[in-house]
C-alpha atoms as a PDB file:
ATOM      1  CA  MET A   1      12.129   2.102   0.576  1.00  0.00           C
ATOM      2  CA  PHE A   2       9.873   0.903  -2.268  1.00  0.00           C
ATOM      3  CA  GLU A   3       9.729  -2.629  -0.864  1.00  0.00           C
ATOM      4  CA  ARG A   4       8.971  -1.234   2.577  1.00  0.00           C
ATOM      5  CA  LEU A   5       6.069   0.823   1.265  1.00  0.00           C
ATOM      6  CA  ALA A   6       4.783  -1.992  -0.957  1.00  0.00           C
ATOM      7  CA  GLY A   7       4.804  -4.177   2.149  1.00  0.00           C
ATOM      8  CA  LEU A   8       2.073  -1.996   3.643  1.00  0.00           C
ATOM      9  CA  CYS A   9      -0.520  -3.551   1.313  1.00  0.00           C
ATOM     10  CA  ASN A  10      -3.078  -5.762   3.005  1.00  0.00           C
ATOM     11  CA  ASP A  11      -3.315  -9.523   2.482  1.00  0.00           C
ATOM     12  CA  VAL A  12      -4.880  -9.114  -0.981  1.00  0.00           C
ATOM     13  CA  GLY A  13      -2.573  -6.285  -2.096  1.00  0.00           C
ATOM     14  CA  LEU A  14      -4.857  -3.320  -1.510  1.00  0.00           C
ATOM     15  CA  LEU A  15      -3.937   0.099  -0.135  1.00  0.00           C
ATOM     16  CA  ALA A  16      -5.946   2.720   1.714  1.00  0.00           C
ATOM     17  CA  GLU A  17      -5.831   6.457   1.158  1.00  0.00           C
ATOM     18  CA  GLU A  18      -3.422   7.039   4.064  1.00  0.00           C
ATOM     19  CA  TYR A  19      -1.174   5.110   6.415  1.00  0.00           C
ATOM     20  CA  ASP A  20      -0.561   6.034  10.034  1.00  0.00           C
ATOM     21  CA  PRO A  21       2.983   4.909  10.943  1.00  0.00           C
ATOM     22  CA  ARG A  22       2.420   5.485  14.667  1.00  0.00           C
ATOM     23  CA  GLN A  23      -0.627   3.246  14.854  1.00  0.00           C
ATOM     24  CA  LYS A  24       0.642   1.046  11.988  1.00  0.00           C
ATOM     25  CA  ARG A  25      -2.721   0.955  10.244  1.00  0.00           C
ATOM     26  CA  MET A  26      -4.408   2.175   7.090  1.00  0.00           C
ATOM     27  CA  LEU A  27      -6.749   5.171   7.238  1.00  0.00           C
ATOM     28  CA  GLY A  28      -9.205   6.889   4.928  1.00  0.00           C
ATOM     29  CA  ASN A  29     -10.939   5.560   1.841  1.00  0.00           C
ATOM     30  CA  PHE A  30     -10.328   1.901   1.080  1.00  0.00           C
ATOM     31  CA  PRO A  31      -9.349   0.694  -1.438  1.00  0.00           C
ATOM     32  CA  GLN A  32      -7.792   3.815  -2.908  1.00  0.00           C
ATOM     33  CA  ALA A  33      -7.082   3.765  -6.642  1.00  0.00           C
ATOM     34  CA  PHE A  34      -4.716   6.749  -6.531  1.00  0.00           C
ATOM     35  CA  SER A  35      -2.484   4.942  -4.033  1.00  0.00           C
ATOM     36  CA  HIS A  36      -2.296   1.970  -6.394  1.00  0.00           C
ATOM     37  CA  VAL A  37      -1.533   4.174  -9.404  1.00  0.00           C
ATOM     38  CA  ALA A  38       1.272   5.860  -7.466  1.00  0.00           C
ATOM     39  CA  LEU A  39       2.711   2.461  -6.492  1.00  0.00           C
ATOM     40  CA  VAL A  40       2.653   1.211 -10.099  1.00  0.00           C
ATOM     41  CA  ASN A  41       4.150   4.463 -11.438  1.00  0.00           C
ATOM     42  CA  SER A  42       6.917   4.257  -8.834  1.00  0.00           C
ATOM     43  CA  ALA A  43       7.687   0.664  -9.836  1.00  0.00           C
ATOM     44  CA  ILE A  44       7.915   1.707 -13.501  1.00  0.00           C
ATOM     45  CA  ALA A  45      10.165   4.673 -12.687  1.00  0.00           C
ATOM     46  CA  LEU A  46      12.489   2.481 -10.614  1.00  0.00           C
ATOM     47  CA  ALA A  47      12.656  -0.168 -13.345  1.00  0.00           C
ATOM     48  CA  MET A  48      13.433   2.479 -15.963  1.00  0.00           C
ATOM     49  CA  ALA A  49      16.178   3.977 -13.799  1.00  0.00           C
ATOM     50  CA  GLU A  50      17.930   0.620 -13.458  1.00  0.00           C
ATOM     51  CA  GLN A  51      18.317  -0.119 -17.183  1.00  0.00           C
ATOM     52  CA  PRO A  52      19.321   1.934 -20.218  1.00  0.00           C
ATOM     53  CA  ALA A  53      16.733   2.157 -22.979  1.00  0.00           C
ATOM     54  CA  PRO A  54      17.395  -0.238 -25.901  1.00  0.00           C
ATOM     55  CA  LYS A  55      17.685   1.037 -29.454  1.00  0.00           C
ATOM     56  CA  SER A  56      15.290  -0.217 -32.118  1.00  0.00           C
ATOM     57  CA  GLY A  57      16.001   0.231 -35.816  1.00  0.00           C
ATOM     58  CA  GLY A  58      18.698   2.808 -35.137  1.00  0.00           C
ATOM     59  CA  GLU A  59      16.279   5.070 -33.301  1.00  0.00           C
ATOM     60  CA  GLU A  60      16.234   5.330 -29.551  1.00  0.00           C
ATOM     61  CA  MET A  61      12.896   4.487 -27.975  1.00  0.00           C
ATOM     62  CA  ALA A  62      11.351   6.712 -25.330  1.00  0.00           C
ATOM     63  CA  PRO A  63      12.232   5.368 -21.842  1.00  0.00           C
ATOM     64  CA  ARG A  64       8.693   4.326 -20.906  1.00  0.00           C
ATOM     65  CA  GLU A  65       8.096   2.550 -24.226  1.00  0.00           C
ATOM     66  CA  ALA A  66      11.497   0.853 -23.987  1.00  0.00           C
ATOM     67  CA  MET A  67      10.736  -0.457 -20.504  1.00  0.00           C
ATOM     68  CA  ILE A  68       7.339  -1.750 -21.589  1.00  0.00           C
ATOM     69  CA  ALA A  69       8.881  -3.373 -24.674  1.00  0.00           C
ATOM     70  CA  ARG A  70      11.472  -5.150 -22.494  1.00  0.00           C
ATOM     71  CA  GLU A  71       8.826  -6.385 -20.082  1.00  0.00           C
ATOM     72  CA  TRP A  72       6.662  -7.755 -22.902  1.00  0.00           C
ATOM     73  CA  GLY A  73       9.583  -9.183 -24.891  1.00  0.00           C
ATOM     74  CA  ALA A  74       9.119  -6.868 -27.887  1.00  0.00           C
ATOM     75  CA  ALA A  75      12.643  -5.431 -27.812  1.00  0.00           C
END
């Protein structure tokens, strides 16, 4: 479902405020920052759900920090 929704971005990766599935077009304010924030937050949540958080120095890292550390090669 995530890939399907991400595929609704236009040719330069921007999203509008709304999407009309019947007319298959974007509606409302464009570009819409809140739509982009929601897409990024969803991607982070999905990535975190796929992998267990690594341990650092015997202490478990918070899930979000662990995911960011993995992505940036710090863990």
